[in-house]
Amino acid sequence: MIADKMEAWKDDAIITPRRGKHEKALPPTGILLINPNEAALGHSLVVELGGEMRKFPHSKVSVNANRYCVAGPAVGAPIAAMVVEKLIVLGVERIFMLSWCGALSPELKIGDVVIGGNPLSGEGTSQYYQTEVPAAPSSRLSDMLSQLASDQGLAPVSGRIWSTDAPYRESRALLHKLWRDDNVLGVDMEYSALCSVCTFRCIEFAALFLVSDELLGERWQPGFKDRHFQEINKRLTQALVSEDIFAVV
């Protein structure tokens, strides 16, 4: 039954992403800001740098001349996949993602930085993007994000990320198993799906995560309103939405 499904998913899709008649092409480098506040800040920075906002389905996109574009928000695997598919069909060839993750490793604290490693899918989108090789991020782009974080005085670590569709159904037993048996450092909602989409479409992709909450302590420890977390979050967004990182792309 599973084999039959996989063969069916390899067949041509009925609906494919397309560039509309009046849609302008996008630069080859894209930045995807998953969460609404970072996306709003990113778009405002692009406009301040002389860029422009453009119409974009399911999200927003801003373009800094022909250097790069910023897209977001795009919360959840299905929407994020649709946004990335549209970016690709409009000309984007490499995508840097900035998002948050909940920490499973006790060594990770709120405000720490994780560069996404091999993904583990707990969401439903990845299964529709089957490839002969395992979905994985670009080591080149991952190194660039690691350097970006280091330049901000941060100490990034690389590790496996598990993506879920149901953040309110994360049991302690499941998360302990993911950390203990699968070496998962953090949890998000989009990463594994976007690794799958970009591997399927032969696009470079990498992601930087800021630890927003600690999941496996005695109690859940949220840090979304923590001043330290918010300051680092703003710094990383500002650093990413600049032309410096693209000088060597």
C-alpha atoms as a PDB file:
ATOM      1  CA  MET A   1       0.000   0.000   0.000  1.00  0.00           C
ATOM      2  CA  ILE A   2       2.798   2.409   0.928  1.00  0.00           C
ATOM      3  CA  ALA A   3       4.724   1.485  -2.224  1.00  0.00           C
ATOM      4  CA  ASP A   4       1.614   2.162  -4.304  1.00  0.00           C
ATOM      5  CA  LYS A   5       1.268   5.598  -2.700  1.00  0.00           C
ATOM      6  CA  MET A   6       4.902   6.449  -3.393  1.00  0.00           C
ATOM      7  CA  GLU A   7       4.529   5.482  -7.043  1.00  0.00           C
ATOM      8  CA  ALA A   8       1.375   7.598  -7.291  1.00  0.00           C
ATOM      9  CA  TRP A   9       3.170  10.610  -5.770  1.00  0.00           C
ATOM     10  CA  LYS A  10       5.886  10.327  -8.431  1.00  0.00           C
ATOM     11  CA  ASP A  11       3.287  10.916 -11.142  1.00  0.00           C
ATOM     12  CA  ASP A  12       2.843  14.358 -12.665  1.00  0.00           C
ATOM     13  CA  ALA A  13       0.935  16.747 -10.414  1.00  0.00           C
ATOM     14  CA  ILE A  14      -2.359  18.168 -11.678  1.00  0.00           C
ATOM     15  CA  ILE A  15      -1.560  21.652 -10.354  1.00  0.00           C
ATOM     16  CA  THR A  16       1.949  23.065 -10.643  1.00  0.00           C
ATOM     17  CA  PRO A  17       3.401  26.404  -9.503  1.00  0.00           C
ATOM     18  CA  ARG A  18       3.513  28.933 -12.319  1.00  0.00           C
ATOM     19  CA  ARG A  19       4.689  32.456 -12.949  1.00  0.00           C
ATOM     20  CA  GLY A  20       1.732  34.704 -13.702  1.00  0.00           C
ATOM     21  CA  LYS A  21       1.615  36.827 -16.827  1.00  0.00           C
ATOM     22  CA  HIS A  22       2.227  40.066 -14.934  1.00  0.00           C
ATOM     23  CA  GLU A  23       4.484  38.708 -12.179  1.00  0.00           C
ATOM     24  CA  LYS A  24       8.038  40.017 -12.147  1.00  0.00           C
ATOM     25  CA  ALA A  25      10.963  37.656 -11.703  1.00  0.00           C
ATOM     26  CA  LEU A  26      12.657  37.579  -8.302  1.00  0.00           C
ATOM     27  CA  PRO A  27      16.406  37.694  -7.549  1.00  0.00           C
ATOM     28  CA  PRO A  28      18.139  34.308  -7.144  1.00  0.00           C
ATOM     29  CA  THR A  29      18.664  34.757  -3.385  1.00  0.00           C
ATOM     30  CA  GLY A  30      15.699  34.624  -1.039  1.00  0.00           C
ATOM     31  CA  ILE A  31      15.291  35.081   2.709  1.00  0.00           C
ATOM     32  CA  LEU A  32      12.324  33.369   4.341  1.00  0.00           C
ATOM     33  CA  LEU A  33      11.230  34.853   7.671  1.00  0.00           C
ATOM     34  CA  ILE A  34       8.756  32.389   9.132  1.00  0.00           C
ATOM     35  CA  ASN A  35       7.209  34.363  11.975  1.00  0.00           C
ATOM     36  CA  PRO A  36       5.055  37.492  11.537  1.00  0.00           C
ATOM     37  CA  ASN A  37       7.080  39.958  13.649  1.00  0.00           C
ATOM     38  CA  GLU A  38      10.380  39.117  11.965  1.00  0.00           C
ATOM     39  CA  ALA A  39       8.734  39.213   8.541  1.00  0.00           C
ATOM     40  CA  ALA A  40       7.303  42.677   9.236  1.00  0.00           C
ATOM     41  CA  LEU A  41      10.717  43.913  10.395  1.00  0.00           C
ATOM     42  CA  GLY A  42      12.459  42.345   7.414  1.00  0.00           C
ATOM     43  CA  HIS A  43      10.108  43.915   4.896  1.00  0.00           C
ATOM     44  CA  SER A  44      10.435  47.336   6.531  1.00  0.00           C
ATOM     45  CA  LEU A  45      14.235  47.072   6.385  1.00  0.00           C
ATOM     46  CA  VAL A  46      14.135  46.201   2.685  1.00  0.00           C
ATOM     47  CA  VAL A  47      11.920  49.200   1.975  1.00  0.00           C
ATOM     48  CA  GLU A  48      14.251  51.453   4.014  1.00  0.00           C
ATOM     49  CA  LEU A  49      17.133  50.205   1.854  1.00  0.00           C
ATOM     50  CA  GLY A  50      15.265  51.376  -1.238  1.00  0.00           C
ATOM     51  CA  GLY A  51      13.463  48.140  -2.039  1.00  0.00           C
ATOM     52  CA  GLU A  52       9.811  47.581  -2.841  1.00  0.00           C
ATOM     53  CA  MET A  53       6.887  45.446  -1.744  1.00  0.00           C
ATOM     54  CA  ARG A  54       5.242  43.228  -4.353  1.00  0.00           C
ATOM     55  CA  LYS A  55       2.018  41.284  -4.494  1.00  0.00           C
ATOM     56  CA  PHE A  56       2.555  37.678  -3.463  1.00  0.00           C
ATOM     57  CA  PRO A  57       0.085  34.847  -2.760  1.00  0.00           C
ATOM     58  CA  HIS A  58      -0.291  33.433   0.770  1.00  0.00           C
ATOM     59  CA  SER A  59       2.369  35.755   2.217  1.00  0.00           C
ATOM     60  CA  LYS A  60       4.297  38.967   1.483  1.00  0.00           C
ATOM     61  CA  VAL A  61       7.472  39.599  -0.487  1.00  0.00           C
ATOM     62  CA  SER A  62       9.842  42.563  -0.642  1.00  0.00           C
ATOM     63  CA  VAL A  63      12.660  42.983  -3.144  1.00  0.00           C
ATOM     64  CA  ASN A  64      15.958  44.817  -2.725  1.00  0.00           C
ATOM     65  CA  ALA A  65      16.781  45.768  -6.329  1.00  0.00           C
ATOM     66  CA  ASN A  66      18.138  42.650  -7.994  1.00  0.00           C
ATOM     67  CA  ARG A  67      20.148  41.581  -4.943  1.00  0.00           C
ATOM     68  CA  TYR A  68      17.702  39.495  -2.916  1.00  0.00           C
ATOM     69  CA  CYS A  69      14.099  39.171  -1.801  1.00  0.00           C
ATOM     70  CA  VAL A  70      12.475  38.661   1.586  1.00  0.00           C
ATOM     71  CA  ALA A  71       9.359  36.519   2.006  1.00  0.00           C
ATOM     72  CA  GLY A  72       7.158  35.823   5.016  1.00  0.00           C
ATOM     73  CA  PRO A  73       5.407  35.142   7.208  1.00  0.00           C
ATOM     74  CA  ALA A  74       4.826  31.464   6.422  1.00  0.00           C
ATOM     75  CA  VAL A  75       3.807  29.564   9.545  1.00  0.00           C
ATOM     76  CA  GLY A  76       3.265  25.821   9.184  1.00  0.00           C
ATOM     77  CA  ALA A  77       4.613  23.331   6.659  1.00  0.00           C
ATOM     78  CA  PRO A  78       1.844  23.517   4.003  1.00  0.00           C
ATOM     79  CA  ILE A  79       1.892  27.321   3.732  1.00  0.00           C
ATOM     80  CA  ALA A  80       5.685  27.482   3.915  1.00  0.00           C
ATOM     81  CA  ALA A  81       5.928  24.916   1.117  1.00  0.00           C
ATOM     82  CA  MET A  82       3.510  26.891  -1.065  1.00  0.00           C
ATOM     83  CA  VAL A  83       5.471  30.097  -0.465  1.00  0.00           C
ATOM     84  CA  VAL A  84       8.771  28.413  -1.330  1.00  0.00           C
ATOM     85  CA  GLU A  85       7.293  26.808  -4.453  1.00  0.00           C
ATOM     86  CA  LYS A  86       6.213  30.247  -5.644  1.00  0.00           C
ATOM     87  CA  LEU A  87       9.598  31.783  -4.843  1.00  0.00           C
ATOM     88  CA  ILE A  88      11.286  29.078  -6.896  1.00  0.00           C
ATOM     89  CA  VAL A  89       9.032  29.454  -9.921  1.00  0.00           C
ATOM     90  CA  LEU A  90       9.707  33.216  -9.842  1.00  0.00           C
ATOM     91  CA  GLY A  91      13.450  32.666 -10.023  1.00  0.00           C
ATOM     92  CA  VAL A  92      14.805  32.080  -6.514  1.00  0.00           C
ATOM     93  CA  GLU A  93      17.657  29.551  -6.508  1.00  0.00           C
ATOM     94  CA  ARG A  94      18.797  29.603  -2.878  1.00  0.00           C
ATOM     95  CA  ILE A  95      16.870  30.255   0.326  1.00  0.00           C
ATOM     96  CA  PHE A  96      18.025  31.265   3.803  1.00  0.00           C
ATOM     97  CA  MET A  97      15.403  30.675   6.511  1.00  0.00           C
ATOM     98  CA  LEU A  98      15.217  32.341   9.924  1.00  0.00           C
ATOM     99  CA  SER A  99      12.874  30.872  12.516  1.00  0.00           C
ATOM    100  CA  TRP A 100      12.539  29.679  16.107  1.00  0.00           C
ATOM    101  CA  CYS A 101      12.729  26.237  17.659  1.00  0.00           C
ATOM    102  CA  GLY A 102      11.860  24.633  20.947  1.00  0.00           C
ATOM    103  CA  ALA A 103      14.915  23.033  22.567  1.00  0.00           C
ATOM    104  CA  LEU A 104      15.053  19.336  23.453  1.00  0.00           C
ATOM    105  CA  SER A 105      18.713  19.222  24.459  1.00  0.00           C
ATOM    106  CA  PRO A 106      19.251  20.364  28.071  1.00  0.00           C
ATOM    107  CA  GLU A 107      22.399  22.116  26.866  1.00  0.00           C
ATOM    108  CA  LEU A 108      20.359  24.531  24.747  1.00  0.00           C
ATOM    109  CA  LYS A 109      18.927  27.603  26.434  1.00  0.00           C
ATOM    110  CA  ILE A 110      16.581  30.386  25.341  1.00  0.00           C
ATOM    111  CA  GLY A 111      18.463  32.710  22.999  1.00  0.00           C
ATOM    112  CA  ASP A 112      20.873  30.043  21.731  1.00  0.00           C
ATOM    113  CA  VAL A 113      21.336  29.560  17.985  1.00  0.00           C
ATOM    114  CA  VAL A 114      20.958  26.285  16.089  1.00  0.00           C
ATOM    115  CA  ILE A 115      21.870  25.737  12.441  1.00  0.00           C
ATOM    116  CA  GLY A 116      19.523  23.129  11.021  1.00  0.00           C
ATOM    117  CA  GLY A 117      21.134  19.764  10.279  1.00  0.00           C
ATOM    118  CA  ASN A 118      19.476  16.633   8.933  1.00  0.00           C
ATOM    119  CA  PRO A 119      15.694  17.018   9.194  1.00  0.00           C
ATOM    120  CA  LEU A 120      13.239  14.590  10.741  1.00  0.00           C
ATOM    121  CA  SER A 121       9.676  14.861   9.499  1.00  0.00           C
ATOM    122  CA  GLY A 122       6.712  14.776  11.834  1.00  0.00           C
ATOM    123  CA  GLU A 123       4.621  16.852   9.414  1.00  0.00           C
ATOM    124  CA  GLY A 124       2.550  15.735   6.455  1.00  0.00           C
ATOM    125  CA  THR A 125       4.016  17.767   3.595  1.00  0.00           C
ATOM    126  CA  SER A 126       7.366  16.017   3.098  1.00  0.00           C
ATOM    127  CA  GLN A 127       5.824  12.731   1.958  1.00  0.00           C
ATOM    128  CA  TYR A 128       4.622  14.419  -1.231  1.00  0.00           C
ATOM    129  CA  TYR A 129       8.182  15.419  -2.188  1.00  0.00           C
ATOM    130  CA  GLN A 130       9.881  12.028  -2.442  1.00  0.00           C
ATOM    131  CA  THR A 131      13.427  11.994  -3.846  1.00  0.00           C
ATOM    132  CA  GLU A 132      16.089   9.363  -4.483  1.00  0.00           C
ATOM    133  CA  VAL A 133      18.441  11.073  -2.009  1.00  0.00           C
ATOM    134  CA  PRO A 134      17.555  12.068   1.566  1.00  0.00           C
ATOM    135  CA  ALA A 135      16.320  15.623   1.990  1.00  0.00           C
ATOM    136  CA  ALA A 136      19.069  17.766   3.496  1.00  0.00           C
ATOM    137  CA  PRO A 137      20.135  21.408   3.787  1.00  0.00           C
ATOM    138  CA  SER A 138      22.940  22.986   1.793  1.00  0.00           C
ATOM    139  CA  SER A 139      26.236  22.761   3.692  1.00  0.00           C
ATOM    140  CA  ARG A 140      27.441  25.904   1.897  1.00  0.00           C
ATOM    141  CA  LEU A 141      24.488  28.023   2.966  1.00  0.00           C
ATOM    142  CA  SER A 142      24.541  26.475   6.444  1.00  0.00           C
ATOM    143  CA  ASP A 143      28.162  27.562   6.852  1.00  0.00           C
ATOM    144  CA  MET A 144      27.199  31.083   5.806  1.00  0.00           C
ATOM    145  CA  LEU A 145      24.449  31.223   8.429  1.00  0.00           C
ATOM    146  CA  SER A 146      26.838  29.887  11.051  1.00  0.00           C
ATOM    147  CA  GLN A 147      29.305  32.642  10.185  1.00  0.00           C
ATOM    148  CA  LEU A 148      26.515  35.222  10.329  1.00  0.00           C
ATOM    149  CA  ALA A 149      25.659  34.141  13.875  1.00  0.00           C
ATOM    150  CA  SER A 150      29.322  34.087  14.902  1.00  0.00           C
ATOM    151  CA  ASP A 151      29.743  37.614  13.579  1.00  0.00           C
ATOM    152  CA  GLN A 152      26.971  38.649  15.973  1.00  0.00           C
ATOM    153  CA  GLY A 153      28.945  37.290  18.907  1.00  0.00           C
ATOM    154  CA  LEU A 154      26.817  34.155  19.153  1.00  0.00           C
ATOM    155  CA  ALA A 155      27.955  30.530  19.371  1.00  0.00           C
ATOM    156  CA  PRO A 156      25.860  28.506  16.903  1.00  0.00           C
ATOM    157  CA  VAL A 157      25.591  24.730  17.098  1.00  0.00           C
ATOM    158  CA  SER A 158      24.410  22.440  14.320  1.00  0.00           C
ATOM    159  CA  GLY A 159      21.851  19.734  14.911  1.00  0.00           C
ATOM    160  CA  ARG A 160      18.854  17.756  13.848  1.00  0.00           C
ATOM    161  CA  ILE A 161      15.436  19.441  13.783  1.00  0.00           C
ATOM    162  CA  TRP A 162      12.089  17.648  14.014  1.00  0.00           C
ATOM    163  CA  SER A 163       9.107  19.399  12.399  1.00  0.00           C
ATOM    164  CA  THR A 164       5.536  18.901  13.562  1.00  0.00           C
ATOM    165  CA  ASP A 165       2.076  19.940  12.411  1.00  0.00           C
ATOM    166  CA  ALA A 166       0.646  19.784  15.929  1.00  0.00           C
ATOM    167  CA  PRO A 167       2.570  21.798  18.547  1.00  0.00           C
ATOM    168  CA  TYR A 168      -0.204  21.257  21.091  1.00  0.00           C
ATOM    169  CA  ARG A 169       0.231  17.459  20.832  1.00  0.00           C
ATOM    170  CA  GLU A 170       3.912  17.197  21.735  1.00  0.00           C
ATOM    171  CA  SER A 171       4.054  14.684  24.581  1.00  0.00           C
ATOM    172  CA  ARG A 172       6.963  14.531  26.990  1.00  0.00           C
ATOM    173  CA  ALA A 173       7.499  10.844  26.147  1.00  0.00           C
ATOM    174  CA  LEU A 174       7.662  11.567  22.418  1.00  0.00           C
ATOM    175  CA  LEU A 175      10.070  14.466  22.811  1.00  0.00           C
ATOM    176  CA  HIS A 176      12.331  12.471  25.133  1.00  0.00           C
ATOM    177  CA  LYS A 177      12.410   9.678  22.541  1.00  0.00           C
ATOM    178  CA  LEU A 178      13.284  12.120  19.736  1.00  0.00           C
ATOM    179  CA  TRP A 179      16.146  13.544  21.777  1.00  0.00           C
ATOM    180  CA  ARG A 180      17.419  10.211  23.136  1.00  0.00           C
ATOM    181  CA  ASP A 181      16.998   7.952  20.080  1.00  0.00           C
ATOM    182  CA  ASP A 182      17.109  10.341  17.108  1.00  0.00           C
ATOM    183  CA  ASN A 183      19.557  12.994  18.349  1.00  0.00           C
ATOM    184  CA  VAL A 184      17.021  15.769  17.758  1.00  0.00           C
ATOM    185  CA  LEU A 185      18.068  19.113  19.234  1.00  0.00           C
ATOM    186  CA  GLY A 186      15.011  21.211  18.411  1.00  0.00           C
ATOM    187  CA  VAL A 187      11.408  21.284  17.231  1.00  0.00           C
ATOM    188  CA  ASP A 188       9.750  23.556  14.657  1.00  0.00           C
ATOM    189  CA  MET A 189       6.886  23.338  12.147  1.00  0.00           C
ATOM    190  CA  GLU A 190       8.421  23.977   8.713  1.00  0.00           C
ATOM    191  CA  TYR A 191      12.037  22.852   8.401  1.00  0.00           C
ATOM    192  CA  SER A 192      11.751  19.220   7.301  1.00  0.00           C
ATOM    193  CA  ALA A 193       9.095  20.110   4.734  1.00  0.00           C
ATOM    194  CA  LEU A 194      11.232  22.854   3.206  1.00  0.00           C
ATOM    195  CA  CYS A 195      14.280  20.586   3.094  1.00  0.00           C
ATOM    196  CA  SER A 196      12.100  18.145   1.144  1.00  0.00           C
ATOM    197  CA  VAL A 197      10.694  20.776  -1.219  1.00  0.00           C
ATOM    198  CA  CYS A 198      14.106  22.275  -1.959  1.00  0.00           C
ATOM    199  CA  THR A 199      15.785  18.893  -2.440  1.00  0.00           C
ATOM    200  CA  PHE A 200      12.954  17.903  -4.791  1.00  0.00           C
ATOM    201  CA  ARG A 201      13.314  21.166  -6.753  1.00  0.00           C
ATOM    202  CA  CYS A 202      17.158  21.121  -6.671  1.00  0.00           C
ATOM    203  CA  ILE A 203      17.320  24.406  -4.737  1.00  0.00           C
ATOM    204  CA  GLU A 204      19.883  25.325  -2.065  1.00  0.00           C
ATOM    205  CA  PHE A 205      18.324  25.786   1.367  1.00  0.00           C
ATOM    206  CA  ALA A 206      19.524  26.316   4.926  1.00  0.00           C
ATOM    207  CA  ALA A 207      17.995  27.497   8.182  1.00  0.00           C
ATOM    208  CA  LEU A 208      19.027  29.321  11.333  1.00  0.00           C
ATOM    209  CA  PHE A 209      16.940  28.810  14.472  1.00  0.00           C
ATOM    210  CA  LEU A 210      16.782  30.860  17.635  1.00  0.00           C
ATOM    211  CA  VAL A 211      15.775  28.825  20.690  1.00  0.00           C
ATOM    212  CA  SER A 212      12.467  30.291  21.842  1.00  0.00           C
ATOM    213  CA  ASP A 213      11.515  27.814  24.564  1.00  0.00           C
ATOM    214  CA  GLU A 214      12.884  24.877  26.551  1.00  0.00           C
ATOM    215  CA  LEU A 215      10.672  21.806  26.307  1.00  0.00           C
ATOM    216  CA  LEU A 216      12.187  19.069  28.467  1.00  0.00           C
ATOM    217  CA  GLY A 217      12.901  20.696  31.815  1.00  0.00           C
ATOM    218  CA  GLU A 218      10.748  20.064  34.880  1.00  0.00           C
ATOM    219  CA  ARG A 219       8.276  22.484  33.324  1.00  0.00           C
ATOM    220  CA  TRP A 220       7.911  24.017  29.875  1.00  0.00           C
ATOM    221  CA  GLN A 221       9.948  27.219  29.819  1.00  0.00           C
ATOM    222  CA  PRO A 222       8.731  29.750  27.202  1.00  0.00           C
ATOM    223  CA  GLY A 223      11.021  32.613  26.261  1.00  0.00           C
ATOM    224  CA  PHE A 224       9.040  34.452  23.598  1.00  0.00           C
ATOM    225  CA  LYS A 225       8.725  37.574  25.767  1.00  0.00           C
ATOM    226  CA  ASP A 226      12.214  37.337  27.236  1.00  0.00           C
ATOM    227  CA  ARG A 227      14.145  40.569  26.592  1.00  0.00           C
ATOM    228  CA  HIS A 228      17.379  38.713  25.778  1.00  0.00           C
ATOM    229  CA  PHE A 229      15.559  36.516  23.262  1.00  0.00           C
ATOM    230  CA  GLN A 230      13.858  39.493  21.623  1.00  0.00           C
ATOM    231  CA  GLU A 231      17.115  41.442  21.332  1.00  0.00           C
ATOM    232  CA  ILE A 232      18.947  38.554  19.658  1.00  0.00           C
ATOM    233  CA  ASN A 233      15.963  37.877  17.430  1.00  0.00           C
ATOM    234  CA  LYS A 234      16.004  41.477  16.203  1.00  0.00           C
ATOM    235  CA  ARG A 235      19.777  41.471  15.698  1.00  0.00           C
ATOM    236  CA  LEU A 236      19.693  38.290  13.637  1.00  0.00           C
ATOM    237  CA  THR A 237      16.850  39.577  11.480  1.00  0.00           C
ATOM    238  CA  GLN A 238      18.663  42.843  10.846  1.00  0.00           C
ATOM    239  CA  ALA A 239      21.937  41.047  10.104  1.00  0.00           C
ATOM    240  CA  LEU A 240      20.330  38.614   7.683  1.00  0.00           C
ATOM    241  CA  VAL A 241      18.359  41.290   5.850  1.00  0.00           C
ATOM    242  CA  SER A 242      21.492  43.117   4.758  1.00  0.00           C
ATOM    243  CA  GLU A 243      23.666  42.930   1.687  1.00  0.00           C
ATOM    244  CA  ASP A 244      26.751  41.715   3.557  1.00  0.00           C
ATOM    245  CA  ILE A 245      25.830  38.035   3.551  1.00  0.00           C
ATOM    246  CA  PHE A 246      25.275  38.048  -0.192  1.00  0.00           C
ATOM    247  CA  ALA A 247      28.698  39.323  -1.181  1.00  0.00           C
ATOM    248  CA  VAL A 248      29.971  35.762  -1.559  1.00  0.00           C
ATOM    249  CA  VAL A 249      26.791  34.015  -2.711  1.00  0.00           C
END
